[in-house]
C-alpha atoms as a PDB file:
ATOM      1  CA  UNK A   1       1.834 -22.402   6.786  1.00  0.00           C
ATOM      2  CA  UNK A   2      -1.090 -24.836   7.015  1.00  0.00           C
ATOM      3  CA  UNK A   3      -1.653 -23.963  10.684  1.00  0.00           C
ATOM      4  CA  UNK A   4      -1.689 -20.227   9.912  1.00  0.00           C
ATOM      5  CA  UNK A   5      -4.144 -20.720   7.058  1.00  0.00           C
ATOM      6  CA  UNK A   6      -6.543 -22.648   9.256  1.00  0.00           C
ATOM      7  CA  UNK A   7      -6.446 -19.867  11.875  1.00  0.00           C
ATOM      8  CA  UNK A   8      -7.309 -17.010   9.501  1.00  0.00           C
ATOM      9  CA  UNK A   9     -11.019 -17.717  10.059  1.00  0.00           C
ATOM     10  CA  UNK A  10     -10.743 -18.195  13.828  1.00  0.00           C
ATOM     11  CA  UNK A  11     -13.463 -16.351  15.786  1.00  0.00           C
ATOM     12  CA  UNK A  12     -10.920 -14.829  18.226  1.00  0.00           C
ATOM     13  CA  UNK A  13      -9.306 -11.758  16.697  1.00  0.00           C
ATOM     14  CA  UNK A  14      -5.993 -12.247  18.524  1.00  0.00           C
ATOM     15  CA  UNK A  15      -5.621 -15.730  17.059  1.00  0.00           C
ATOM     16  CA  UNK A  16      -6.360 -14.361  13.571  1.00  0.00           C
ATOM     17  CA  UNK A  17      -3.831 -11.578  14.128  1.00  0.00           C
ATOM     18  CA  UNK A  18      -1.152 -14.137  15.014  1.00  0.00           C
ATOM     19  CA  UNK A  19      -1.937 -16.004  11.785  1.00  0.00           C
ATOM     20  CA  UNK A  20      -1.639 -12.798   9.719  1.00  0.00           C
ATOM     21  CA  UNK A  21       1.657 -11.976  11.432  1.00  0.00           C
ATOM     22  CA  UNK A  22       3.003 -15.458  10.719  1.00  0.00           C
ATOM     23  CA  UNK A  23       2.143 -15.120   7.011  1.00  0.00           C
ATOM     24  CA  UNK A  24       3.948 -11.770   6.931  1.00  0.00           C
ATOM     25  CA  UNK A  25       6.997 -13.396   8.523  1.00  0.00           C
ATOM     26  CA  UNK A  26       6.962 -16.112   5.860  1.00  0.00           C
ATOM     27  CA  UNK A  27       6.942 -13.489   3.105  1.00  0.00           C
ATOM     28  CA  UNK A  28       6.965 -14.910  -0.442  1.00  0.00           C
ATOM     29  CA  UNK A  29       7.008 -18.435   1.011  1.00  0.00           C
ATOM     30  CA  UNK A  30       3.392 -17.785   2.033  1.00  0.00           C
ATOM     31  CA  UNK A  31       2.319 -17.542  -1.634  1.00  0.00           C
ATOM     32  CA  UNK A  32       0.117 -20.659  -1.266  1.00  0.00           C
ATOM     33  CA  UNK A  33      -2.060 -18.478   1.016  1.00  0.00           C
ATOM     34  CA  UNK A  34      -2.958 -16.114  -1.846  1.00  0.00           C
ATOM     35  CA  UNK A  35      -6.346 -17.715  -2.668  1.00  0.00           C
ATOM     36  CA  UNK A  36      -7.446 -17.584   0.965  1.00  0.00           C
ATOM     37  CA  UNK A  37      -6.186 -13.999   1.368  1.00  0.00           C
ATOM     38  CA  UNK A  38      -8.078 -12.969  -1.768  1.00  0.00           C
ATOM     39  CA  UNK A  39     -11.193 -14.531  -0.267  1.00  0.00           C
ATOM     40  CA  UNK A  40     -10.673 -12.582   2.976  1.00  0.00           C
ATOM     41  CA  UNK A  41     -10.612  -9.331   0.997  1.00  0.00           C
ATOM     42  CA  UNK A  42     -14.365  -9.897   0.579  1.00  0.00           C
ATOM     43  CA  UNK A  43     -15.014 -10.235   4.316  1.00  0.00           C
ATOM     44  CA  UNK A  44     -17.673  -7.939   5.808  1.00  0.00           C
ATOM     45  CA  UNK A  45     -15.225  -7.337   8.684  1.00  0.00           C
ATOM     46  CA  UNK A  46     -13.176  -4.220   7.886  1.00  0.00           C
ATOM     47  CA  UNK A  47     -10.235  -5.272  10.047  1.00  0.00           C
ATOM     48  CA  UNK A  48      -9.986  -8.688   8.385  1.00  0.00           C
ATOM     49  CA  UNK A  49     -10.105  -7.073   4.930  1.00  0.00           C
ATOM     50  CA  UNK A  50      -7.416  -4.571   5.883  1.00  0.00           C
ATOM     51  CA  UNK A  51      -5.095  -7.175   7.428  1.00  0.00           C
ATOM     52  CA  UNK A  52      -5.531  -9.557   4.486  1.00  0.00           C
ATOM     53  CA  UNK A  53      -4.640  -6.717   2.110  1.00  0.00           C
ATOM     54  CA  UNK A  54      -1.628  -5.750   4.195  1.00  0.00           C
ATOM     55  CA  UNK A  55      -0.208  -9.281   4.122  1.00  0.00           C
ATOM     56  CA  UNK A  56       0.169  -8.991   0.344  1.00  0.00           C
ATOM     57  CA  UNK A  57       2.937  -6.449   0.929  1.00  0.00           C
ATOM     58  CA  UNK A  58       5.036  -9.311   2.263  1.00  0.00           C
ATOM     59  CA  UNK A  59       3.733 -12.134   0.082  1.00  0.00           C
ATOM     60  CA  UNK A  60       3.709 -10.185  -3.200  1.00  0.00           C
ATOM     61  CA  UNK A  61       1.541  -7.614  -4.979  1.00  0.00           C
ATOM     62  CA  UNK A  62       2.548  -7.977  -8.620  1.00  0.00           C
ATOM     63  CA  UNK A  63       0.551 -11.074  -9.602  1.00  0.00           C
ATOM     64  CA  UNK A  64      -2.285  -9.774 -11.777  1.00  0.00           C
ATOM     65  CA  UNK A  65      -5.081 -11.306  -9.691  1.00  0.00           C
ATOM     66  CA  UNK A  66      -3.592  -9.869  -6.488  1.00  0.00           C
ATOM     67  CA  UNK A  67      -3.006  -6.419  -7.969  1.00  0.00           C
ATOM     68  CA  UNK A  68      -6.562  -6.262  -9.338  1.00  0.00           C
ATOM     69  CA  UNK A  69      -8.021  -7.322  -5.986  1.00  0.00           C
ATOM     70  CA  UNK A  70      -5.971  -4.643  -4.230  1.00  0.00           C
ATOM     71  CA  UNK A  71      -6.661  -1.961  -6.828  1.00  0.00           C
ATOM     72  CA  UNK A  72     -10.467  -2.144  -6.525  1.00  0.00           C
ATOM     73  CA  UNK A  73     -10.729  -0.859  -2.911  1.00  0.00           C
ATOM     74  CA  UNK A  74      -8.709   2.257  -3.787  1.00  0.00           C
ATOM     75  CA  UNK A  75     -11.903   3.807  -5.137  1.00  0.00           C
ATOM     76  CA  UNK A  76     -13.947   2.926  -2.032  1.00  0.00           C
ATOM     77  CA  UNK A  77     -14.638   5.280   0.843  1.00  0.00           C
ATOM     78  CA  UNK A  78     -13.455   2.717   3.403  1.00  0.00           C
ATOM     79  CA  UNK A  79     -10.188   4.096   4.790  1.00  0.00           C
ATOM     80  CA  UNK A  80      -9.620   0.876   6.751  1.00  0.00           C
ATOM     81  CA  UNK A  81      -9.287  -1.313   3.674  1.00  0.00           C
ATOM     82  CA  UNK A  82      -7.454   1.482   1.865  1.00  0.00           C
ATOM     83  CA  UNK A  83      -4.892   1.516   4.669  1.00  0.00           C
ATOM     84  CA  UNK A  84      -4.268  -2.213   4.254  1.00  0.00           C
ATOM     85  CA  UNK A  85      -3.999  -1.838   0.483  1.00  0.00           C
ATOM     86  CA  UNK A  86      -1.572   1.081   0.758  1.00  0.00           C
ATOM     87  CA  UNK A  87       0.578  -0.879   3.215  1.00  0.00           C
ATOM     88  CA  UNK A  88       0.681  -3.742   0.734  1.00  0.00           C
ATOM     89  CA  UNK A  89       1.518  -1.541  -2.250  1.00  0.00           C
ATOM     90  CA  UNK A  90       4.131   0.372  -0.237  1.00  0.00           C
ATOM     91  CA  UNK A  91       5.893  -2.601   1.337  1.00  0.00           C
ATOM     92  CA  UNK A  92       5.440  -4.684  -1.801  1.00  0.00           C
ATOM     93  CA  UNK A  93       6.956  -1.863  -3.870  1.00  0.00           C
ATOM     94  CA  UNK A  94       4.396  -2.058  -6.638  1.00  0.00           C
ATOM     95  CA  UNK A  95       5.606  -1.210 -10.117  1.00  0.00           C
ATOM     96  CA  UNK A  96       2.152  -0.827 -11.669  1.00  0.00           C
ATOM     97  CA  UNK A  97       1.687   2.835 -12.696  1.00  0.00           C
ATOM     98  CA  UNK A  98      -2.105   2.504 -12.470  1.00  0.00           C
ATOM     99  CA  UNK A  99      -1.774   3.350  -8.775  1.00  0.00           C
ATOM    100  CA  UNK A 100      -0.262   6.817  -9.341  1.00  0.00           C
ATOM    101  CA  UNK A 101      -3.569   8.702  -9.775  1.00  0.00           C
ATOM    102  CA  UNK A 102      -5.293   6.957  -6.829  1.00  0.00           C
ATOM    103  CA  UNK A 103      -2.250   7.733  -4.646  1.00  0.00           C
ATOM    104  CA  UNK A 104      -2.460  11.422  -5.581  1.00  0.00           C
ATOM    105  CA  UNK A 105      -6.179  11.430  -4.777  1.00  0.00           C
ATOM    106  CA  UNK A 106      -5.779   9.619  -1.453  1.00  0.00           C
ATOM    107  CA  UNK A 107      -2.863  11.809  -0.347  1.00  0.00           C
ATOM    108  CA  UNK A 108      -4.877  14.913  -1.282  1.00  0.00           C
ATOM    109  CA  UNK A 109      -7.656  13.844   1.057  1.00  0.00           C
ATOM    110  CA  UNK A 110      -5.253  14.286   3.976  1.00  0.00           C
ATOM    111  CA  UNK A 111      -6.054  11.178   6.035  1.00  0.00           C
ATOM    112  CA  UNK A 112      -2.811  10.788   8.045  1.00  0.00           C
ATOM    113  CA  UNK A 113      -3.087   6.969   8.018  1.00  0.00           C
ATOM    114  CA  UNK A 114      -3.067   7.022   4.218  1.00  0.00           C
ATOM    115  CA  UNK A 115      -0.856   9.999   3.383  1.00  0.00           C
ATOM    116  CA  UNK A 116       2.441   8.478   4.511  1.00  0.00           C
ATOM    117  CA  UNK A 117       2.056   5.355   2.404  1.00  0.00           C
ATOM    118  CA  UNK A 118       0.625   7.238  -0.584  1.00  0.00           C
ATOM    119  CA  UNK A 119       3.606   9.631  -0.635  1.00  0.00           C
ATOM    120  CA  UNK A 120       6.123   6.786  -0.360  1.00  0.00           C
ATOM    121  CA  UNK A 121       4.404   4.886  -3.159  1.00  0.00           C
ATOM    122  CA  UNK A 122       4.509   7.974  -5.373  1.00  0.00           C
ATOM    123  CA  UNK A 123       8.241   8.248  -4.689  1.00  0.00           C
ATOM    124  CA  UNK A 124       8.741   4.653  -5.815  1.00  0.00           C
ATOM    125  CA  UNK A 125       7.680   5.651  -9.324  1.00  0.00           C
ATOM    126  CA  UNK A 126      10.309   8.352  -9.776  1.00  0.00           C
ATOM    127  CA  UNK A 127       9.766  10.557 -12.844  1.00  0.00           C
ATOM    128  CA  UNK A 128       6.717   8.507 -13.871  1.00  0.00           C
ATOM    129  CA  UNK A 129       4.891  10.249 -10.991  1.00  0.00           C
ATOM    130  CA  UNK A 130       5.885  13.751 -12.109  1.00  0.00           C
ATOM    131  CA  UNK A 131       2.222  14.834 -12.072  1.00  0.00           C
ATOM    132  CA  UNK A 132       2.382  14.419  -8.267  1.00  0.00           C
ATOM    133  CA  UNK A 133       5.156  17.016  -7.859  1.00  0.00           C
ATOM    134  CA  UNK A 134       2.815  19.938  -6.959  1.00  0.00           C
ATOM    135  CA  UNK A 135       1.147  17.824  -4.259  1.00  0.00           C
ATOM    136  CA  UNK A 136       4.513  16.634  -2.962  1.00  0.00           C
ATOM    137  CA  UNK A 137       5.695  20.243  -2.805  1.00  0.00           C
ATOM    138  CA  UNK A 138       2.625  21.149  -0.737  1.00  0.00           C
ATOM    139  CA  UNK A 139       3.376  18.410   1.771  1.00  0.00           C
ATOM    140  CA  UNK A 140       7.050  19.379   1.843  1.00  0.00           C
ATOM    141  CA  UNK A 141       6.111  22.990   2.623  1.00  0.00           C
ATOM    142  CA  UNK A 142       3.603  21.923   5.274  1.00  0.00           C
ATOM    143  CA  UNK A 143       3.997  21.947   9.032  1.00  0.00           C
ATOM    144  CA  UNK A 144       3.805  18.205   9.710  1.00  0.00           C
ATOM    145  CA  UNK A 145       7.398  16.995   9.956  1.00  0.00           C
ATOM    146  CA  UNK A 146       6.417  13.402   9.325  1.00  0.00           C
ATOM    147  CA  UNK A 147       4.786  14.329   6.005  1.00  0.00           C
ATOM    148  CA  UNK A 148       7.594  16.732   5.130  1.00  0.00           C
ATOM    149  CA  UNK A 149      10.272  14.055   5.376  1.00  0.00           C
ATOM    150  CA  UNK A 150       8.343  11.559   3.239  1.00  0.00           C
ATOM    151  CA  UNK A 151       7.482  14.301   0.725  1.00  0.00           C
ATOM    152  CA  UNK A 152      11.199  15.175   0.544  1.00  0.00           C
ATOM    153  CA  UNK A 153      11.997  11.538  -0.225  1.00  0.00           C
ATOM    154  CA  UNK A 154       9.307  11.395  -2.925  1.00  0.00           C
ATOM    155  CA  UNK A 155      10.382  14.728  -4.415  1.00  0.00           C
ATOM    156  CA  UNK A 156      13.946  13.478  -4.550  1.00  0.00           C
ATOM    157  CA  UNK A 157      12.800  10.448  -6.493  1.00  0.00           C
ATOM    158  CA  UNK A 158      10.450  12.314  -8.827  1.00  0.00           C
ATOM    159  CA  UNK A 159      11.391  15.971  -9.322  1.00  0.00           C
ATOM    160  CA  UNK A 160      15.170  15.674  -8.949  1.00  0.00           C
ATOM    161  CA  UNK A 161      15.269  12.733 -11.326  1.00  0.00           C
ATOM    162  CA  UNK A 162      13.165  14.712 -13.813  1.00  0.00           C
ATOM    163  CA  UNK A 163      15.591  17.636 -13.733  1.00  0.00           C
ATOM    164  CA  UNK A 164      18.579  15.329 -14.027  1.00  0.00           C
ATOM    165  CA  UNK A 165      17.226  13.529 -17.093  1.00  0.00           C
ATOM    166  CA  UNK A 166      16.228  16.837 -18.735  1.00  0.00           C
ATOM    167  CA  UNK A 167      19.760  18.215 -18.425  1.00  0.00           C
ATOM    168  CA  UNK A 168      21.424  15.206 -20.027  1.00  0.00           C
END
């Protein structure tokens, strides 16, 4: 862990990438890296910010300071950092419903790098994301098979669960 932390600021991008990958492999055991990863979220380098955000999907996204640091870039126009944040929230299976509206907005914008993660995250919330059902239906009816399959998953988690609970 200490070696990976020291390499996160290395000037050679490949060395930094290896350090990020190692932290992802360590998963929650890399929690001591959280302060340094939070610091890297402020980097002027878009790739570093995105990779630091993405590592949180393996280390953990539910600590308040981590969630807040990840939540802020969702309102930015920088799709690079948004991609890293969405990876983190998707892989980290966030349970914070504050992300539902930003996920709907980001999926609506249609950026393919963001749509897949945004749809999966919406599906993780089940009926709590019922306001996303019209958007999910649009993606399910669309022509992009990749989006259709993820929209089907999310619809199954949201709309089908809504109908099931209403009939009980």
